[in-house]
N, C-alpha and C. Protein backbone atom coordinates (compact mmCIF):
# COMPACT_ATOMS: atom_id res chain seq x y z
N MET A 1 -2.86 19.87 -126.90
CA MET A 1 -2.23 20.66 -125.87
C MET A 1 -0.75 20.80 -126.19
N ILE A 2 -0.24 22.02 -126.16
CA ILE A 2 1.17 22.28 -126.45
C ILE A 2 1.97 22.13 -125.17
N SER A 3 2.98 21.29 -125.21
CA SER A 3 3.82 21.07 -124.05
C SER A 3 5.05 21.96 -124.12
N GLN A 4 5.29 22.74 -123.09
CA GLN A 4 6.47 23.59 -123.04
C GLN A 4 7.36 23.11 -121.92
N GLU A 5 8.66 23.23 -122.14
CA GLU A 5 9.61 22.86 -121.09
C GLU A 5 9.53 23.87 -119.96
N ASP A 6 9.44 23.37 -118.74
CA ASP A 6 9.44 24.21 -117.55
C ASP A 6 10.90 24.44 -117.16
N LEU A 7 11.35 25.69 -117.19
CA LEU A 7 12.75 26.01 -116.90
C LEU A 7 13.01 26.17 -115.40
N GLY A 8 12.01 25.90 -114.58
CA GLY A 8 12.23 25.86 -113.14
C GLY A 8 12.00 27.14 -112.38
N THR A 9 12.42 28.25 -112.93
CA THR A 9 12.22 29.55 -112.28
C THR A 9 11.93 30.59 -113.35
N PRO A 10 11.28 31.69 -112.98
CA PRO A 10 11.01 32.74 -113.96
C PRO A 10 12.31 33.34 -114.50
N GLY A 11 12.23 33.95 -115.67
CA GLY A 11 13.39 34.61 -116.25
C GLY A 11 13.70 35.91 -115.52
N ALA A 12 14.93 36.37 -115.66
CA ALA A 12 15.36 37.64 -115.05
C ALA A 12 15.18 38.76 -116.07
N ALA A 13 14.90 39.95 -115.59
CA ALA A 13 14.61 41.08 -116.47
C ALA A 13 15.82 41.95 -116.76
N SER A 14 16.99 41.59 -116.31
CA SER A 14 18.17 42.43 -116.47
C SER A 14 18.66 42.50 -117.91
N ASP A 15 19.21 43.66 -118.29
CA ASP A 15 19.86 43.82 -119.60
C ASP A 15 21.33 43.41 -119.54
N VAL A 16 21.85 43.25 -118.33
CA VAL A 16 23.25 42.85 -118.13
C VAL A 16 23.34 41.33 -118.27
N MET A 17 24.25 40.88 -119.12
CA MET A 17 24.43 39.45 -119.35
C MET A 17 25.65 38.94 -118.58
N VAL A 18 25.55 37.73 -118.05
CA VAL A 18 26.68 37.07 -117.39
C VAL A 18 26.86 35.71 -118.05
N THR A 19 28.10 35.25 -118.09
CA THR A 19 28.40 33.94 -118.68
C THR A 19 28.86 33.01 -117.58
N VAL A 20 28.24 31.84 -117.55
CA VAL A 20 28.57 30.83 -116.55
C VAL A 20 28.84 29.51 -117.27
N GLN A 21 29.50 28.60 -116.58
CA GLN A 21 29.75 27.25 -117.08
C GLN A 21 28.83 26.29 -116.33
N ILE A 22 28.03 25.55 -117.06
CA ILE A 22 27.17 24.53 -116.47
C ILE A 22 27.65 23.18 -116.99
N ASP A 23 28.22 22.38 -116.11
CA ASP A 23 28.79 21.09 -116.51
C ASP A 23 29.74 21.26 -117.69
N GLY A 24 30.52 22.34 -117.66
CA GLY A 24 31.51 22.59 -118.70
C GLY A 24 30.97 23.28 -119.94
N MET A 25 29.67 23.53 -119.99
CA MET A 25 29.07 24.20 -121.15
C MET A 25 28.82 25.67 -120.82
N PRO A 26 29.35 26.58 -121.64
CA PRO A 26 29.11 28.00 -121.37
C PRO A 26 27.69 28.41 -121.78
N VAL A 27 27.12 29.31 -120.98
CA VAL A 27 25.81 29.86 -121.31
C VAL A 27 25.78 31.30 -120.80
N SER A 28 25.26 32.18 -121.63
CA SER A 28 25.10 33.58 -121.24
C SER A 28 23.63 33.82 -120.93
N VAL A 29 23.39 34.41 -119.77
CA VAL A 29 22.01 34.64 -119.29
C VAL A 29 21.93 36.03 -118.68
N PRO A 30 20.72 36.59 -118.60
CA PRO A 30 20.58 37.87 -117.91
C PRO A 30 20.97 37.74 -116.44
N GLU A 31 21.65 38.75 -115.93
CA GLU A 31 22.05 38.75 -114.52
C GLU A 31 20.81 38.54 -113.65
N GLY A 32 20.94 37.68 -112.64
CA GLY A 32 19.81 37.37 -111.76
C GLY A 32 19.10 36.08 -112.14
N THR A 33 19.45 35.51 -113.29
CA THR A 33 18.88 34.22 -113.70
C THR A 33 19.34 33.14 -112.73
N SER A 34 18.43 32.27 -112.36
CA SER A 34 18.82 31.18 -111.44
C SER A 34 19.73 30.18 -112.15
N VAL A 35 20.54 29.51 -111.35
CA VAL A 35 21.39 28.44 -111.86
C VAL A 35 20.52 27.36 -112.49
N MET A 36 19.36 27.08 -111.88
CA MET A 36 18.46 26.06 -112.42
C MET A 36 18.02 26.41 -113.83
N ARG A 37 17.61 27.65 -114.05
CA ARG A 37 17.13 28.08 -115.37
C ARG A 37 18.27 28.04 -116.39
N ALA A 38 19.44 28.50 -116.00
CA ALA A 38 20.60 28.46 -116.90
C ALA A 38 20.94 27.03 -117.28
N ALA A 39 20.86 26.13 -116.30
CA ALA A 39 21.14 24.72 -116.58
C ALA A 39 20.14 24.15 -117.56
N ALA A 40 18.87 24.46 -117.37
CA ALA A 40 17.82 23.96 -118.28
C ALA A 40 18.03 24.49 -119.69
N MET A 41 18.57 25.70 -119.81
CA MET A 41 18.79 26.30 -121.13
C MET A 41 19.85 25.56 -121.94
N VAL A 42 20.76 24.86 -121.24
CA VAL A 42 21.78 24.08 -121.95
C VAL A 42 21.49 22.58 -121.89
N GLY A 43 20.27 22.23 -121.47
CA GLY A 43 19.86 20.83 -121.48
C GLY A 43 20.26 20.02 -120.27
N ALA A 44 20.76 20.69 -119.22
CA ALA A 44 21.11 19.99 -117.98
C ALA A 44 19.90 20.08 -117.05
N ASN A 45 19.08 19.07 -117.08
CA ASN A 45 17.86 19.09 -116.28
C ASN A 45 18.13 18.66 -114.85
N ILE A 46 17.97 19.59 -113.94
CA ILE A 46 18.21 19.35 -112.53
C ILE A 46 16.89 18.88 -111.90
N PRO A 47 16.92 17.80 -111.11
CA PRO A 47 15.68 17.34 -110.46
C PRO A 47 15.06 18.44 -109.61
N LYS A 48 13.72 18.50 -109.60
CA LYS A 48 13.02 19.53 -108.82
C LYS A 48 11.62 19.05 -108.50
N LEU A 49 11.11 19.51 -107.36
CA LEU A 49 9.72 19.24 -107.00
C LEU A 49 8.97 20.54 -106.70
N CYS A 50 9.61 21.49 -106.04
CA CYS A 50 8.89 22.71 -105.66
C CYS A 50 9.01 23.81 -106.71
N ALA A 51 9.94 23.68 -107.63
CA ALA A 51 10.23 24.75 -108.59
C ALA A 51 9.38 24.63 -109.85
N THR A 52 8.98 25.79 -110.36
CA THR A 52 8.30 25.89 -111.64
C THR A 52 8.50 27.31 -112.14
N ASP A 53 8.60 27.47 -113.45
CA ASP A 53 8.90 28.82 -113.97
C ASP A 53 7.71 29.76 -113.94
N SER A 54 6.58 29.31 -113.44
CA SER A 54 5.43 30.21 -113.31
C SER A 54 5.31 30.79 -111.90
N LEU A 55 6.23 30.39 -110.99
CA LEU A 55 6.22 30.89 -109.62
C LEU A 55 7.63 31.30 -109.20
N ASN A 56 7.71 32.23 -108.27
CA ASN A 56 9.02 32.64 -107.75
C ASN A 56 9.70 31.45 -107.07
N ALA A 57 11.03 31.44 -107.11
CA ALA A 57 11.80 30.37 -106.49
C ALA A 57 11.51 30.31 -104.99
N PHE A 58 11.50 29.09 -104.46
CA PHE A 58 11.14 28.89 -103.06
C PHE A 58 12.19 28.09 -102.30
N GLY A 59 12.79 27.11 -102.95
CA GLY A 59 13.89 26.36 -102.36
C GLY A 59 13.53 25.41 -101.24
N SER A 60 12.34 24.81 -101.27
CA SER A 60 11.95 23.95 -100.15
C SER A 60 12.24 22.47 -100.37
N CYS A 61 12.26 22.00 -101.60
CA CYS A 61 12.34 20.54 -101.79
C CYS A 61 13.75 19.99 -101.64
N ARG A 62 14.76 20.77 -101.87
CA ARG A 62 16.18 20.41 -101.73
C ARG A 62 16.65 19.34 -102.70
N LEU A 63 15.90 19.08 -103.76
CA LEU A 63 16.36 18.13 -104.78
C LEU A 63 17.30 18.79 -105.77
N CYS A 64 17.21 20.09 -105.93
CA CYS A 64 17.95 20.77 -107.01
C CYS A 64 19.33 21.24 -106.58
N LEU A 65 19.92 20.57 -105.61
CA LEU A 65 21.25 20.93 -105.13
C LEU A 65 22.28 20.84 -106.25
N VAL A 66 23.25 21.75 -106.22
CA VAL A 66 24.36 21.74 -107.18
C VAL A 66 25.67 22.01 -106.44
N GLU A 67 26.76 21.81 -107.13
CA GLU A 67 28.07 22.18 -106.60
C GLU A 67 28.59 23.36 -107.42
N ILE A 68 29.10 24.37 -106.73
CA ILE A 68 29.65 25.55 -107.40
C ILE A 68 31.12 25.68 -107.00
N GLU A 69 31.98 25.72 -108.01
CA GLU A 69 33.42 25.78 -107.77
C GLU A 69 33.76 26.98 -106.89
N GLY A 70 34.55 26.70 -105.83
CA GLY A 70 34.98 27.77 -104.93
C GLY A 70 34.00 28.11 -103.83
N ARG A 71 32.86 27.43 -103.79
CA ARG A 71 31.87 27.69 -102.74
C ARG A 71 31.65 26.42 -101.93
N PRO A 72 31.49 26.58 -100.61
CA PRO A 72 31.21 25.40 -99.79
C PRO A 72 29.77 24.96 -99.94
N GLY A 73 29.50 23.73 -99.57
CA GLY A 73 28.12 23.23 -99.53
C GLY A 73 27.54 22.93 -100.90
N THR A 74 26.25 22.72 -100.88
CA THR A 74 25.51 22.38 -102.10
C THR A 74 24.24 23.23 -102.12
N PRO A 75 24.33 24.43 -102.69
CA PRO A 75 23.17 25.33 -102.68
C PRO A 75 22.05 24.85 -103.61
N ALA A 76 20.85 25.29 -103.31
CA ALA A 76 19.70 25.01 -104.17
C ALA A 76 19.86 25.83 -105.45
N SER A 77 19.77 25.17 -106.58
CA SER A 77 19.98 25.87 -107.86
C SER A 77 18.84 26.83 -108.18
N CYS A 78 17.65 26.60 -107.62
CA CYS A 78 16.52 27.46 -107.93
C CYS A 78 16.64 28.83 -107.28
N THR A 79 17.31 28.92 -106.14
CA THR A 79 17.42 30.19 -105.43
C THR A 79 18.80 30.81 -105.55
N THR A 80 19.69 30.20 -106.32
CA THR A 80 21.04 30.72 -106.48
C THR A 80 21.17 31.45 -107.81
N PRO A 81 21.42 32.78 -107.78
CA PRO A 81 21.55 33.52 -109.03
C PRO A 81 22.91 33.29 -109.68
N CYS A 82 22.93 33.29 -110.99
CA CYS A 82 24.18 33.15 -111.74
C CYS A 82 25.04 34.40 -111.56
N GLN A 83 26.34 34.18 -111.45
CA GLN A 83 27.30 35.27 -111.39
C GLN A 83 28.36 35.04 -112.45
N GLU A 84 28.89 36.12 -112.97
CA GLU A 84 29.90 36.05 -114.03
C GLU A 84 31.03 35.11 -113.63
N GLY A 85 31.35 34.16 -114.53
CA GLY A 85 32.46 33.25 -114.33
C GLY A 85 32.16 32.04 -113.45
N MET A 86 30.96 31.94 -112.94
CA MET A 86 30.58 30.83 -112.07
C MET A 86 30.72 29.50 -112.82
N SER A 87 31.23 28.48 -112.13
CA SER A 87 31.35 27.15 -112.70
C SER A 87 30.54 26.18 -111.85
N VAL A 88 29.51 25.58 -112.46
CA VAL A 88 28.54 24.76 -111.74
C VAL A 88 28.59 23.32 -112.23
N GLN A 89 28.51 22.40 -111.29
CA GLN A 89 28.35 20.98 -111.61
C GLN A 89 26.96 20.56 -111.16
N THR A 90 26.20 19.95 -112.07
CA THR A 90 24.85 19.53 -111.73
C THR A 90 24.74 18.03 -111.51
N GLN A 91 25.75 17.26 -111.93
CA GLN A 91 25.69 15.80 -111.81
C GLN A 91 27.02 15.29 -111.29
N THR A 92 27.08 14.98 -110.00
CA THR A 92 28.28 14.39 -109.40
C THR A 92 27.83 13.26 -108.47
N GLN A 93 28.76 12.42 -108.05
CA GLN A 93 28.41 11.33 -107.13
C GLN A 93 27.87 11.88 -105.82
N ARG A 94 28.46 12.97 -105.36
CA ARG A 94 28.00 13.58 -104.10
C ARG A 94 26.55 14.05 -104.24
N LEU A 95 26.23 14.72 -105.34
CA LEU A 95 24.87 15.20 -105.56
C LEU A 95 23.89 14.05 -105.72
N ASP A 96 24.32 12.98 -106.42
CA ASP A 96 23.47 11.80 -106.57
C ASP A 96 23.08 11.24 -105.21
N LYS A 97 24.06 11.12 -104.33
CA LYS A 97 23.82 10.56 -103.00
C LYS A 97 22.88 11.46 -102.19
N LEU A 98 23.13 12.77 -102.22
CA LEU A 98 22.27 13.70 -101.48
C LEU A 98 20.84 13.68 -102.01
N ARG A 99 20.69 13.70 -103.32
CA ARG A 99 19.35 13.71 -103.90
C ARG A 99 18.58 12.43 -103.59
N LYS A 100 19.25 11.30 -103.66
CA LYS A 100 18.59 10.04 -103.31
C LYS A 100 18.15 10.06 -101.86
N GLY A 101 18.99 10.58 -100.98
CA GLY A 101 18.64 10.67 -99.56
C GLY A 101 17.42 11.54 -99.33
N VAL A 102 17.36 12.67 -100.01
CA VAL A 102 16.21 13.57 -99.89
C VAL A 102 14.95 12.86 -100.39
N MET A 103 15.06 12.21 -101.53
CA MET A 103 13.90 11.53 -102.10
C MET A 103 13.44 10.37 -101.22
N GLU A 104 14.38 9.68 -100.59
CA GLU A 104 14.00 8.61 -99.67
C GLU A 104 13.14 9.14 -98.53
N LEU A 105 13.47 10.33 -98.04
CA LEU A 105 12.68 10.91 -96.96
C LEU A 105 11.26 11.23 -97.42
N TYR A 106 11.13 11.75 -98.64
CA TYR A 106 9.78 12.01 -99.17
C TYR A 106 8.99 10.70 -99.28
N ILE A 107 9.60 9.69 -99.85
CA ILE A 107 8.91 8.42 -100.09
C ILE A 107 8.58 7.71 -98.78
N SER A 108 9.41 7.89 -97.75
CA SER A 108 9.17 7.21 -96.47
C SER A 108 7.91 7.71 -95.77
N ASP A 109 7.39 8.86 -96.18
CA ASP A 109 6.16 9.39 -95.60
C ASP A 109 5.12 9.61 -96.70
N HIS A 110 5.09 8.66 -97.62
CA HIS A 110 4.17 8.77 -98.76
C HIS A 110 3.55 7.39 -99.00
N PRO A 111 2.26 7.33 -99.27
CA PRO A 111 1.66 6.01 -99.51
C PRO A 111 2.27 5.33 -100.74
N LEU A 112 2.52 4.07 -100.61
CA LEU A 112 3.10 3.32 -101.73
C LEU A 112 1.98 2.67 -102.53
N ASP A 113 1.09 3.51 -103.03
CA ASP A 113 -0.06 3.02 -103.79
C ASP A 113 -0.01 3.47 -105.24
N CYS A 114 1.19 3.57 -105.78
CA CYS A 114 1.35 4.11 -107.13
C CYS A 114 0.49 3.41 -108.17
N LEU A 115 0.40 2.10 -108.09
CA LEU A 115 -0.34 1.35 -109.12
C LEU A 115 -1.83 1.63 -109.11
N THR A 116 -2.37 2.03 -107.97
CA THR A 116 -3.80 2.33 -107.89
C THR A 116 -4.08 3.83 -107.78
N CYS A 117 -3.04 4.63 -107.74
CA CYS A 117 -3.20 6.08 -107.61
C CYS A 117 -3.64 6.67 -108.95
N PRO A 118 -4.60 7.61 -108.94
CA PRO A 118 -5.04 8.23 -110.19
C PRO A 118 -3.93 8.99 -110.92
N ALA A 119 -2.89 9.39 -110.18
CA ALA A 119 -1.79 10.15 -110.81
C ALA A 119 -0.70 9.24 -111.38
N ASN A 120 -0.84 7.93 -111.24
CA ASN A 120 0.18 7.00 -111.73
C ASN A 120 0.48 7.27 -113.21
N GLY A 121 1.75 7.46 -113.51
CA GLY A 121 2.17 7.76 -114.87
C GLY A 121 2.18 9.24 -115.19
N ASP A 122 1.57 10.05 -114.33
CA ASP A 122 1.56 11.50 -114.50
C ASP A 122 1.83 12.14 -113.14
N CYS A 123 2.89 11.69 -112.50
CA CYS A 123 3.21 12.08 -111.12
C CYS A 123 4.64 12.59 -111.05
N GLU A 124 4.80 13.83 -110.62
CA GLU A 124 6.15 14.40 -110.53
C GLU A 124 7.00 13.69 -109.48
N LEU A 125 6.39 13.26 -108.39
CA LEU A 125 7.14 12.54 -107.35
C LEU A 125 7.70 11.24 -107.92
N GLN A 126 6.88 10.52 -108.66
CA GLN A 126 7.31 9.30 -109.34
C GLN A 126 8.44 9.61 -110.33
N ASP A 127 8.24 10.66 -111.12
CA ASP A 127 9.24 11.04 -112.12
C ASP A 127 10.58 11.38 -111.47
N MET A 128 10.53 12.15 -110.39
CA MET A 128 11.77 12.56 -109.73
C MET A 128 12.45 11.41 -109.01
N ALA A 129 11.67 10.47 -108.48
CA ALA A 129 12.27 9.28 -107.87
C ALA A 129 13.06 8.53 -108.94
N GLY A 130 12.49 8.44 -110.13
CA GLY A 130 13.20 7.81 -111.25
C GLY A 130 14.40 8.63 -111.69
N ALA A 131 14.26 9.94 -111.72
CA ALA A 131 15.35 10.82 -112.18
C ALA A 131 16.57 10.74 -111.27
N VAL A 132 16.35 10.56 -109.98
CA VAL A 132 17.49 10.46 -109.06
C VAL A 132 17.97 9.02 -108.89
N GLY A 133 17.29 8.08 -109.56
CA GLY A 133 17.71 6.68 -109.52
C GLY A 133 17.33 5.95 -108.26
N LEU A 134 16.28 6.41 -107.57
CA LEU A 134 15.87 5.76 -106.33
C LEU A 134 15.16 4.45 -106.65
N ARG A 135 15.68 3.36 -106.10
CA ARG A 135 15.08 2.05 -106.31
C ARG A 135 14.63 1.43 -104.98
N ASP A 136 15.34 1.75 -103.91
CA ASP A 136 15.04 1.20 -102.59
C ASP A 136 14.98 2.34 -101.59
N VAL A 137 14.16 2.16 -100.56
CA VAL A 137 14.06 3.13 -99.48
C VAL A 137 14.53 2.45 -98.20
N ARG A 138 15.54 3.03 -97.58
CA ARG A 138 16.11 2.43 -96.36
C ARG A 138 15.22 2.58 -95.15
N TYR A 139 14.33 3.56 -95.18
CA TYR A 139 13.52 3.86 -94.01
C TYR A 139 12.20 3.11 -94.11
N GLY A 140 11.80 2.50 -93.00
CA GLY A 140 10.55 1.75 -92.98
C GLY A 140 9.35 2.67 -92.84
N MET A 141 8.19 2.11 -92.92
CA MET A 141 6.95 2.87 -92.79
C MET A 141 6.46 2.88 -91.35
N GLU A 142 7.26 2.33 -90.42
CA GLU A 142 6.88 2.33 -89.02
C GLU A 142 7.16 3.71 -88.44
N GLY A 143 6.66 3.93 -87.24
CA GLY A 143 6.89 5.21 -86.56
C GLY A 143 5.89 6.25 -87.02
N GLU A 144 6.10 7.48 -86.57
CA GLU A 144 5.16 8.55 -86.90
C GLU A 144 5.22 8.91 -88.37
N ASN A 145 4.05 9.09 -88.96
CA ASN A 145 3.96 9.51 -90.35
C ASN A 145 2.58 10.09 -90.60
N HIS A 146 2.33 10.46 -91.84
CA HIS A 146 1.04 11.05 -92.22
C HIS A 146 0.15 10.06 -93.00
N LEU A 147 0.55 8.80 -93.05
CA LEU A 147 -0.10 7.85 -93.94
C LEU A 147 -1.55 7.53 -93.58
N ASP A 148 -1.90 7.66 -92.30
CA ASP A 148 -3.26 7.29 -91.91
C ASP A 148 -4.20 8.50 -91.82
N ARG A 149 -3.73 9.64 -92.24
CA ARG A 149 -4.59 10.83 -92.19
C ARG A 149 -5.65 10.75 -93.28
N GLY A 150 -6.85 11.09 -92.94
CA GLY A 150 -7.93 11.06 -93.93
C GLY A 150 -7.89 12.28 -94.83
N LYS A 151 -8.66 12.23 -95.87
CA LYS A 151 -8.77 13.34 -96.81
C LYS A 151 -9.65 14.43 -96.21
N ASP A 152 -9.27 15.67 -96.43
CA ASP A 152 -10.10 16.80 -96.02
C ASP A 152 -10.93 17.21 -97.23
N GLU A 153 -12.22 16.94 -97.16
CA GLU A 153 -13.13 17.26 -98.26
C GLU A 153 -14.10 18.37 -97.88
N SER A 154 -13.68 19.20 -96.91
CA SER A 154 -14.56 20.25 -96.41
C SER A 154 -14.72 21.42 -97.37
N ASN A 155 -13.78 21.57 -98.32
CA ASN A 155 -13.88 22.65 -99.29
C ASN A 155 -14.62 22.16 -100.52
N PRO A 156 -15.58 22.91 -101.03
CA PRO A 156 -16.33 22.44 -102.21
C PRO A 156 -15.51 22.46 -103.50
N TYR A 157 -14.31 23.10 -103.48
CA TYR A 157 -13.53 23.24 -104.71
C TYR A 157 -12.36 22.29 -104.85
N PHE A 158 -11.90 21.73 -103.75
CA PHE A 158 -10.79 20.78 -103.84
C PHE A 158 -10.79 19.85 -102.64
N THR A 159 -10.11 18.73 -102.80
CA THR A 159 -9.90 17.77 -101.72
C THR A 159 -8.42 17.81 -101.37
N PHE A 160 -8.11 17.83 -100.09
CA PHE A 160 -6.72 17.83 -99.64
C PHE A 160 -6.40 16.50 -98.98
N ASP A 161 -5.41 15.80 -99.52
CA ASP A 161 -4.99 14.51 -98.97
C ASP A 161 -3.61 14.70 -98.36
N SER A 162 -3.53 14.88 -97.04
CA SER A 162 -2.26 15.16 -96.39
C SER A 162 -1.28 14.00 -96.47
N SER A 163 -1.77 12.78 -96.71
CA SER A 163 -0.85 11.65 -96.83
C SER A 163 -0.03 11.74 -98.12
N LYS A 164 -0.49 12.53 -99.08
CA LYS A 164 0.24 12.67 -100.35
C LYS A 164 0.93 14.01 -100.50
N CYS A 165 0.69 14.92 -99.57
CA CYS A 165 1.29 16.25 -99.63
C CYS A 165 2.77 16.18 -99.24
N ILE A 166 3.64 16.78 -100.03
CA ILE A 166 5.06 16.82 -99.70
C ILE A 166 5.48 18.21 -99.20
N VAL A 167 4.53 19.08 -98.98
CA VAL A 167 4.74 20.42 -98.44
C VAL A 167 5.69 21.24 -99.31
N CYS A 168 5.48 21.17 -100.62
CA CYS A 168 6.29 21.97 -101.55
C CYS A 168 5.78 23.41 -101.62
N SER A 169 4.58 23.62 -101.16
CA SER A 169 3.93 24.94 -101.11
C SER A 169 3.56 25.50 -102.48
N ARG A 170 3.62 24.71 -103.53
CA ARG A 170 3.25 25.24 -104.85
C ARG A 170 1.81 25.70 -104.90
N CYS A 171 0.90 24.95 -104.27
CA CYS A 171 -0.51 25.35 -104.30
C CYS A 171 -0.72 26.67 -103.56
N VAL A 172 -0.04 26.83 -102.44
CA VAL A 172 -0.14 28.06 -101.66
C VAL A 172 0.46 29.22 -102.43
N ARG A 173 1.61 29.00 -103.04
CA ARG A 173 2.28 30.06 -103.80
C ARG A 173 1.48 30.44 -105.03
N ALA A 174 0.90 29.47 -105.72
CA ALA A 174 0.07 29.78 -106.89
C ALA A 174 -1.15 30.58 -106.47
N CYS A 175 -1.71 30.24 -105.34
CA CYS A 175 -2.88 30.96 -104.83
C CYS A 175 -2.55 32.43 -104.58
N SER A 176 -1.36 32.70 -104.07
CA SER A 176 -0.99 34.09 -103.79
C SER A 176 -0.37 34.79 -105.00
N GLU A 177 0.59 34.14 -105.67
CA GLU A 177 1.33 34.79 -106.75
C GLU A 177 0.56 34.86 -108.07
N VAL A 178 -0.21 33.83 -108.38
CA VAL A 178 -0.91 33.78 -109.66
C VAL A 178 -2.35 34.26 -109.51
N GLN A 179 -3.07 33.67 -108.58
CA GLN A 179 -4.47 34.03 -108.39
C GLN A 179 -4.65 35.33 -107.61
N GLY A 180 -3.70 35.62 -106.72
CA GLY A 180 -3.79 36.83 -105.91
C GLY A 180 -4.88 36.78 -104.86
N THR A 181 -5.29 35.58 -104.48
CA THR A 181 -6.38 35.47 -103.50
C THR A 181 -5.89 35.25 -102.07
N PHE A 182 -4.67 34.76 -101.90
CA PHE A 182 -4.09 34.51 -100.58
C PHE A 182 -5.05 33.70 -99.70
N ALA A 183 -5.74 32.75 -100.31
CA ALA A 183 -6.76 31.98 -99.60
C ALA A 183 -6.21 30.73 -98.91
N LEU A 184 -5.00 30.30 -99.27
CA LEU A 184 -4.43 29.08 -98.71
C LEU A 184 -3.15 29.37 -97.94
N THR A 185 -2.88 28.55 -96.95
CA THR A 185 -1.60 28.58 -96.25
C THR A 185 -1.36 27.18 -95.70
N ILE A 186 -0.16 26.93 -95.24
CA ILE A 186 0.16 25.64 -94.63
C ILE A 186 0.30 25.86 -93.14
N ALA A 187 -0.36 25.02 -92.37
CA ALA A 187 -0.29 25.09 -90.91
C ALA A 187 0.60 23.97 -90.41
N GLY A 188 1.72 24.32 -89.80
CA GLY A 188 2.62 23.32 -89.25
C GLY A 188 3.56 22.75 -90.29
N ARG A 189 4.61 22.08 -89.82
CA ARG A 189 5.56 21.40 -90.68
C ARG A 189 5.89 20.05 -90.05
N GLY A 190 6.53 19.19 -90.78
CA GLY A 190 6.94 17.90 -90.25
C GLY A 190 5.75 17.09 -89.77
N LEU A 191 5.93 16.41 -88.66
CA LEU A 191 4.86 15.56 -88.13
C LEU A 191 3.71 16.37 -87.56
N ARG A 192 3.91 17.67 -87.35
CA ARG A 192 2.85 18.52 -86.84
C ARG A 192 2.06 19.16 -87.98
N LEU A 193 2.31 18.73 -89.22
CA LEU A 193 1.57 19.28 -90.35
C LEU A 193 0.08 19.09 -90.12
N ALA A 194 -0.58 20.20 -89.98
CA ALA A 194 -2.02 20.13 -89.75
C ALA A 194 -2.76 20.12 -91.07
N GLY A 195 -2.12 20.55 -92.10
CA GLY A 195 -2.74 20.53 -93.41
C GLY A 195 -2.89 21.91 -94.01
N LEU A 196 -3.59 21.93 -95.09
CA LEU A 196 -3.87 23.16 -95.81
C LEU A 196 -5.00 23.86 -95.11
N THR A 197 -4.82 25.15 -94.85
CA THR A 197 -5.91 25.91 -94.24
C THR A 197 -6.38 26.96 -95.21
N GLN A 198 -7.59 27.38 -95.03
CA GLN A 198 -8.17 28.36 -95.93
C GLN A 198 -8.88 29.44 -95.15
């Protein structure tokens, strides 16, 4: 199997090129290219969970935050298009803290069964927890969560385990954008997540 690097978002089709600085490294990309893709092109791998270059950018996981000189806040790099002269920082103390906080929230509502999970060693959530340097989770497993929800095995083609779903919507987006079947959707968010519907 040939492994290809996932650049996070699809390429842009523009003939107009713009030059941006990513962590001080210049890169020229077609206008409309995401900051995430430009960063990947110069080897600056930004953490991501919902992004993949085979689907349109969605911006739901909030791990891919960056700092852009002259702009307030920390925009998602997957949904932010490059503009001429833009200067982007992908690794700062502020971003490290924000990313760890986001990852802690994911892990606080996720079963801690990594050693017995079939995806152990081939798990993007595990990989991204390591990428952001998460070692401890401040939030306990008490209170409302999805950990005791059973698996939905009503579909003959797949099993849905809501205790492991992080609501990145990649399965739903692939169903509509790649397969064109529009057979899946997500019902509810947060603690009211009812699960995948078909």
